[in-house]
Amino acid sequence: MRERDVRYLDLAEEELIKAFEIQPLIQGVHLTLGNIRLTKGDNEGALSYYTIALGIYPLEKEALLNRATLENLGRSSEALDDFKRFLAIPGYELSEARPYAEARIRILSP
């Protein structure tokens, strides 16, 4: 990632944290902060924000799918649960997300 891109992510993160401090229950702020952390390679930080997002809105499909970061942290059973929950929620789906989640479930299932 280019230095300029990292700086833009840092600035965006700073502004979102300000919004979070003003109103911690704004839907989408935590998801976006998780996405920024994931992009920056901070899996633990991303996991934390996705977990908060799901606490506010348990049907947030993107947070469930992205929280599969758990798999990268050696928490594959939790990632498996998130993939299953993702597939069980009707409605909007990210492009190619269903086949990806189904494939990960096959791989992660005991």
N, C-alpha and C. Protein backbone atom coordinates (compact mmCIF):
# COMPACT_ATOMS: atom_id res chain seq x y z
N MET A 1 0.84 -1.16 0.00
CA MET A 1 0.00 0.00 0.00
C MET A 1 0.89 1.24 0.00
N ARG A 2 0.52 2.21 -0.81
CA ARG A 2 1.31 3.43 -0.91
C ARG A 2 1.17 4.29 0.33
N GLU A 3 2.21 5.04 0.62
CA GLU A 3 2.23 5.90 1.81
C GLU A 3 1.05 6.88 1.81
N ARG A 4 0.74 7.42 0.65
CA ARG A 4 -0.38 8.37 0.54
C ARG A 4 -1.70 7.68 0.89
N ASP A 5 -1.88 6.44 0.44
CA ASP A 5 -3.10 5.70 0.75
C ASP A 5 -3.22 5.43 2.24
N VAL A 6 -2.11 5.10 2.87
CA VAL A 6 -2.12 4.86 4.31
C VAL A 6 -2.51 6.15 5.04
N ARG A 7 -2.00 7.26 4.59
CA ARG A 7 -2.33 8.55 5.22
C ARG A 7 -3.82 8.84 5.09
N TYR A 8 -4.39 8.58 3.92
CA TYR A 8 -5.84 8.80 3.73
C TYR A 8 -6.64 7.89 4.67
N LEU A 9 -6.20 6.65 4.81
CA LEU A 9 -6.88 5.74 5.73
C LEU A 9 -6.76 6.24 7.17
N ASP A 10 -5.60 6.74 7.53
CA ASP A 10 -5.41 7.28 8.88
C ASP A 10 -6.34 8.47 9.13
N LEU A 11 -6.45 9.36 8.15
CA LEU A 11 -7.33 10.52 8.30
C LEU A 11 -8.80 10.09 8.41
N ALA A 12 -9.19 9.15 7.56
CA ALA A 12 -10.57 8.65 7.62
C ALA A 12 -10.85 8.00 8.97
N GLU A 13 -9.90 7.23 9.44
CA GLU A 13 -10.06 6.56 10.73
C GLU A 13 -10.21 7.59 11.86
N GLU A 14 -9.40 8.63 11.83
CA GLU A 14 -9.49 9.68 12.85
C GLU A 14 -10.87 10.32 12.87
N GLU A 15 -11.42 10.62 11.70
CA GLU A 15 -12.74 11.25 11.62
C GLU A 15 -13.84 10.30 12.08
N LEU A 16 -13.72 9.05 11.72
CA LEU A 16 -14.73 8.08 12.15
C LEU A 16 -14.68 7.86 13.66
N ILE A 17 -13.51 7.87 14.23
CA ILE A 17 -13.39 7.73 15.68
C ILE A 17 -14.04 8.93 16.38
N LYS A 18 -13.90 10.12 15.80
CA LYS A 18 -14.58 11.30 16.36
C LYS A 18 -16.09 11.09 16.32
N ALA A 19 -16.61 10.58 15.20
CA ALA A 19 -18.05 10.31 15.09
C ALA A 19 -18.48 9.27 16.11
N PHE A 20 -17.67 8.25 16.27
CA PHE A 20 -17.94 7.18 17.23
C PHE A 20 -18.00 7.75 18.65
N GLU A 21 -17.09 8.67 18.98
CA GLU A 21 -17.06 9.26 20.32
C GLU A 21 -18.30 10.11 20.58
N ILE A 22 -18.82 10.76 19.55
CA ILE A 22 -20.02 11.58 19.69
C ILE A 22 -21.27 10.70 19.83
N GLN A 23 -21.37 9.69 18.98
CA GLN A 23 -22.54 8.81 18.98
C GLN A 23 -22.07 7.37 18.72
N PRO A 24 -21.82 6.59 19.78
CA PRO A 24 -21.25 5.25 19.62
C PRO A 24 -22.17 4.23 18.95
N LEU A 25 -23.44 4.52 18.80
CA LEU A 25 -24.34 3.54 18.22
C LEU A 25 -24.70 3.80 16.77
N ILE A 26 -23.96 4.65 16.10
CA ILE A 26 -24.22 4.92 14.68
C ILE A 26 -23.91 3.67 13.88
N GLN A 27 -24.92 3.18 13.18
CA GLN A 27 -24.72 1.97 12.38
C GLN A 27 -23.77 2.29 11.22
N GLY A 28 -22.84 1.43 11.00
CA GLY A 28 -21.92 1.57 9.87
C GLY A 28 -20.56 2.12 10.23
N VAL A 29 -20.47 2.92 11.29
CA VAL A 29 -19.17 3.51 11.66
C VAL A 29 -18.20 2.41 12.06
N HIS A 30 -18.65 1.48 12.88
CA HIS A 30 -17.77 0.41 13.35
C HIS A 30 -17.38 -0.52 12.21
N LEU A 31 -18.32 -0.77 11.31
CA LEU A 31 -18.03 -1.60 10.14
C LEU A 31 -16.93 -0.94 9.31
N THR A 32 -17.07 0.34 9.07
CA THR A 32 -16.07 1.06 8.26
C THR A 32 -14.72 1.10 8.97
N LEU A 33 -14.72 1.31 10.29
CA LEU A 33 -13.46 1.28 11.03
C LEU A 33 -12.83 -0.11 10.95
N GLY A 34 -13.65 -1.15 11.02
CA GLY A 34 -13.13 -2.51 10.86
C GLY A 34 -12.50 -2.70 9.49
N ASN A 35 -13.17 -2.18 8.47
CA ASN A 35 -12.64 -2.31 7.11
C ASN A 35 -11.31 -1.58 6.96
N ILE A 36 -11.20 -0.41 7.58
CA ILE A 36 -9.94 0.33 7.53
C ILE A 36 -8.83 -0.48 8.22
N ARG A 37 -9.14 -1.00 9.41
CA ARG A 37 -8.13 -1.78 10.13
C ARG A 37 -7.73 -3.02 9.34
N LEU A 38 -8.71 -3.68 8.72
CA LEU A 38 -8.41 -4.87 7.93
C LEU A 38 -7.50 -4.50 6.75
N THR A 39 -7.80 -3.41 6.08
CA THR A 39 -6.99 -2.95 4.96
C THR A 39 -5.55 -2.63 5.40
N LYS A 40 -5.41 -2.12 6.60
CA LYS A 40 -4.09 -1.78 7.13
C LYS A 40 -3.36 -3.00 7.70
N GLY A 41 -4.03 -4.17 7.70
CA GLY A 41 -3.38 -5.39 8.18
C GLY A 41 -3.52 -5.62 9.68
N ASP A 42 -4.38 -4.86 10.33
CA ASP A 42 -4.60 -5.00 11.77
C ASP A 42 -5.82 -5.90 12.00
N ASN A 43 -5.59 -7.21 11.96
CA ASN A 43 -6.70 -8.15 12.10
C ASN A 43 -7.37 -8.08 13.46
N GLU A 44 -6.59 -7.90 14.53
CA GLU A 44 -7.18 -7.80 15.87
C GLU A 44 -8.07 -6.56 15.98
N GLY A 45 -7.60 -5.44 15.45
CA GLY A 45 -8.40 -4.21 15.48
C GLY A 45 -9.65 -4.35 14.65
N ALA A 46 -9.52 -4.97 13.48
CA ALA A 46 -10.69 -5.20 12.62
C ALA A 46 -11.71 -6.07 13.34
N LEU A 47 -11.23 -7.14 13.95
CA LEU A 47 -12.11 -8.05 14.69
C LEU A 47 -12.88 -7.30 15.77
N SER A 48 -12.19 -6.44 16.48
CA SER A 48 -12.82 -5.67 17.56
C SER A 48 -13.95 -4.80 17.02
N TYR A 49 -13.70 -4.08 15.94
CA TYR A 49 -14.72 -3.21 15.38
C TYR A 49 -15.88 -4.00 14.77
N TYR A 50 -15.59 -5.10 14.11
CA TYR A 50 -16.68 -5.92 13.55
C TYR A 50 -17.56 -6.49 14.67
N THR A 51 -16.94 -6.85 15.77
CA THR A 51 -17.70 -7.38 16.91
C THR A 51 -18.62 -6.31 17.49
N ILE A 52 -18.12 -5.09 17.60
CA ILE A 52 -18.95 -3.98 18.08
C ILE A 52 -20.09 -3.73 17.10
N ALA A 53 -19.78 -3.73 15.80
CA ALA A 53 -20.82 -3.50 14.78
C ALA A 53 -21.93 -4.54 14.90
N LEU A 54 -21.55 -5.79 15.12
CA LEU A 54 -22.55 -6.86 15.24
C LEU A 54 -23.33 -6.76 16.55
N GLY A 55 -22.73 -6.18 17.57
CA GLY A 55 -23.46 -5.94 18.81
C GLY A 55 -24.55 -4.89 18.63
N ILE A 56 -24.31 -3.93 17.75
CA ILE A 56 -25.28 -2.88 17.46
C ILE A 56 -26.34 -3.38 16.48
N TYR A 57 -25.89 -4.08 15.45
CA TYR A 57 -26.79 -4.57 14.41
C TYR A 57 -26.38 -6.00 14.06
N PRO A 58 -26.96 -7.00 14.73
CA PRO A 58 -26.55 -8.40 14.56
C PRO A 58 -26.74 -8.97 13.15
N LEU A 59 -27.49 -8.28 12.31
CA LEU A 59 -27.74 -8.79 10.96
C LEU A 59 -26.85 -8.12 9.91
N GLU A 60 -25.80 -7.48 10.33
CA GLU A 60 -24.88 -6.81 9.42
C GLU A 60 -24.03 -7.85 8.69
N LYS A 61 -24.45 -8.15 7.47
CA LYS A 61 -23.83 -9.25 6.73
C LYS A 61 -22.35 -8.99 6.41
N GLU A 62 -22.02 -7.78 6.07
CA GLU A 62 -20.62 -7.49 5.72
C GLU A 62 -19.71 -7.68 6.94
N ALA A 63 -20.19 -7.27 8.12
CA ALA A 63 -19.38 -7.46 9.33
C ALA A 63 -19.20 -8.94 9.63
N LEU A 64 -20.25 -9.74 9.42
CA LEU A 64 -20.12 -11.17 9.64
C LEU A 64 -19.11 -11.79 8.68
N LEU A 65 -19.23 -11.42 7.43
CA LEU A 65 -18.32 -11.98 6.43
C LEU A 65 -16.88 -11.56 6.71
N ASN A 66 -16.70 -10.29 7.00
CA ASN A 66 -15.35 -9.79 7.24
C ASN A 66 -14.78 -10.27 8.57
N ARG A 67 -15.66 -10.59 9.52
CA ARG A 67 -15.17 -11.07 10.80
C ARG A 67 -14.55 -12.46 10.67
N ALA A 68 -14.63 -13.02 9.49
CA ALA A 68 -13.93 -14.27 9.24
C ALA A 68 -12.43 -14.07 9.40
N THR A 69 -12.03 -12.84 9.68
CA THR A 69 -10.66 -12.54 10.09
C THR A 69 -10.28 -13.47 11.24
N LEU A 70 -11.29 -13.91 11.97
CA LEU A 70 -11.05 -14.86 13.06
C LEU A 70 -10.26 -16.06 12.56
N GLU A 71 -10.55 -16.47 11.36
CA GLU A 71 -9.84 -17.61 10.77
C GLU A 71 -8.34 -17.33 10.71
N ASN A 72 -7.99 -16.11 10.33
CA ASN A 72 -6.58 -15.73 10.24
C ASN A 72 -5.92 -15.63 11.61
N LEU A 73 -6.72 -15.55 12.64
CA LEU A 73 -6.20 -15.43 14.00
C LEU A 73 -6.23 -16.76 14.74
N GLY A 74 -6.46 -17.85 14.00
CA GLY A 74 -6.49 -19.17 14.61
C GLY A 74 -7.80 -19.46 15.32
N ARG A 75 -8.85 -18.76 14.97
CA ARG A 75 -10.15 -18.93 15.61
C ARG A 75 -11.16 -19.44 14.58
N SER A 76 -10.82 -20.55 13.98
CA SER A 76 -11.60 -21.05 12.85
C SER A 76 -13.01 -21.49 13.24
N SER A 77 -13.23 -21.96 14.45
CA SER A 77 -14.59 -22.38 14.82
C SER A 77 -15.52 -21.17 14.90
N GLU A 78 -15.01 -20.04 15.37
CA GLU A 78 -15.81 -18.81 15.40
C GLU A 78 -16.04 -18.29 13.98
N ALA A 79 -15.04 -18.39 13.14
CA ALA A 79 -15.19 -17.98 11.74
C ALA A 79 -16.25 -18.84 11.06
N LEU A 80 -16.22 -20.13 11.33
CA LEU A 80 -17.22 -21.05 10.78
C LEU A 80 -18.62 -20.61 11.18
N ASP A 81 -18.82 -20.26 12.45
CA ASP A 81 -20.12 -19.78 12.92
C ASP A 81 -20.54 -18.51 12.19
N ASP A 82 -19.60 -17.59 11.98
CA ASP A 82 -19.93 -16.35 11.27
C ASP A 82 -20.31 -16.61 9.82
N PHE A 83 -19.59 -17.50 9.16
CA PHE A 83 -19.96 -17.84 7.79
C PHE A 83 -21.37 -18.42 7.73
N LYS A 84 -21.70 -19.28 8.67
CA LYS A 84 -23.04 -19.88 8.71
C LYS A 84 -24.11 -18.83 8.97
N ARG A 85 -23.84 -17.93 9.92
CA ARG A 85 -24.80 -16.84 10.20
C ARG A 85 -24.96 -15.95 8.98
N PHE A 86 -23.87 -15.67 8.29
CA PHE A 86 -23.92 -14.84 7.08
C PHE A 86 -24.87 -15.45 6.06
N LEU A 87 -24.74 -16.75 5.83
CA LEU A 87 -25.57 -17.41 4.84
C LEU A 87 -27.03 -17.50 5.27
N ALA A 88 -27.30 -17.50 6.56
CA ALA A 88 -28.67 -17.65 7.07
C ALA A 88 -29.48 -16.35 7.00
N ILE A 89 -28.81 -15.22 6.86
CA ILE A 89 -29.51 -13.94 6.85
C ILE A 89 -29.94 -13.61 5.42
N PRO A 90 -31.23 -13.44 5.20
CA PRO A 90 -31.72 -13.12 3.85
C PRO A 90 -31.39 -11.68 3.48
N GLY A 91 -31.43 -11.41 2.20
CA GLY A 91 -31.27 -10.04 1.73
C GLY A 91 -29.97 -9.79 1.02
N TYR A 92 -29.55 -8.55 1.05
CA TYR A 92 -28.38 -8.07 0.32
C TYR A 92 -27.17 -8.97 0.51
N GLU A 93 -26.52 -9.26 -0.60
CA GLU A 93 -25.29 -10.05 -0.55
C GLU A 93 -24.20 -9.36 -1.35
N LEU A 94 -23.01 -9.47 -0.86
CA LEU A 94 -21.86 -8.93 -1.56
C LEU A 94 -21.55 -9.83 -2.75
N SER A 95 -21.01 -9.26 -3.78
CA SER A 95 -20.69 -10.02 -4.98
C SER A 95 -19.81 -11.23 -4.67
N GLU A 96 -20.24 -12.37 -5.10
CA GLU A 96 -19.51 -13.64 -4.94
C GLU A 96 -19.32 -14.07 -3.48
N ALA A 97 -20.02 -13.45 -2.56
CA ALA A 97 -19.85 -13.77 -1.15
C ALA A 97 -20.42 -15.14 -0.79
N ARG A 98 -21.59 -15.47 -1.34
CA ARG A 98 -22.22 -16.75 -1.01
C ARG A 98 -21.31 -17.93 -1.39
N PRO A 99 -20.81 -18.02 -2.63
CA PRO A 99 -19.93 -19.15 -2.96
C PRO A 99 -18.67 -19.19 -2.10
N TYR A 100 -18.13 -18.02 -1.78
CA TYR A 100 -16.94 -17.95 -0.93
C TYR A 100 -17.25 -18.50 0.45
N ALA A 101 -18.35 -18.03 1.06
CA ALA A 101 -18.73 -18.49 2.40
C ALA A 101 -19.01 -19.99 2.40
N GLU A 102 -19.69 -20.47 1.39
CA GLU A 102 -19.98 -21.91 1.30
C GLU A 102 -18.69 -22.73 1.21
N ALA A 103 -17.73 -22.24 0.43
CA ALA A 103 -16.45 -22.94 0.28
C ALA A 103 -15.68 -22.95 1.60
N ARG A 104 -15.68 -21.82 2.31
CA ARG A 104 -14.98 -21.76 3.59
C ARG A 104 -15.64 -22.67 4.62
N ILE A 105 -16.96 -22.78 4.58
CA ILE A 105 -17.66 -23.67 5.50
C ILE A 105 -17.24 -25.12 5.25
N ARG A 106 -17.15 -25.49 3.98
CA ARG A 106 -16.71 -26.85 3.66
C ARG A 106 -15.30 -27.13 4.19
N ILE A 107 -14.43 -26.16 4.05
CA ILE A 107 -13.05 -26.32 4.48
C ILE A 107 -12.93 -26.33 6.01
N LEU A 108 -13.68 -25.47 6.67
CA LEU A 108 -13.56 -25.32 8.13
C LEU A 108 -14.37 -26.34 8.93
N SER A 109 -15.33 -26.98 8.27
CA SER A 109 -16.19 -27.92 8.99
C SER A 109 -15.39 -29.17 9.41
N PRO A 110 -15.66 -29.62 10.64
CA PRO A 110 -14.94 -30.81 11.12
C PRO A 110 -15.36 -32.07 10.38
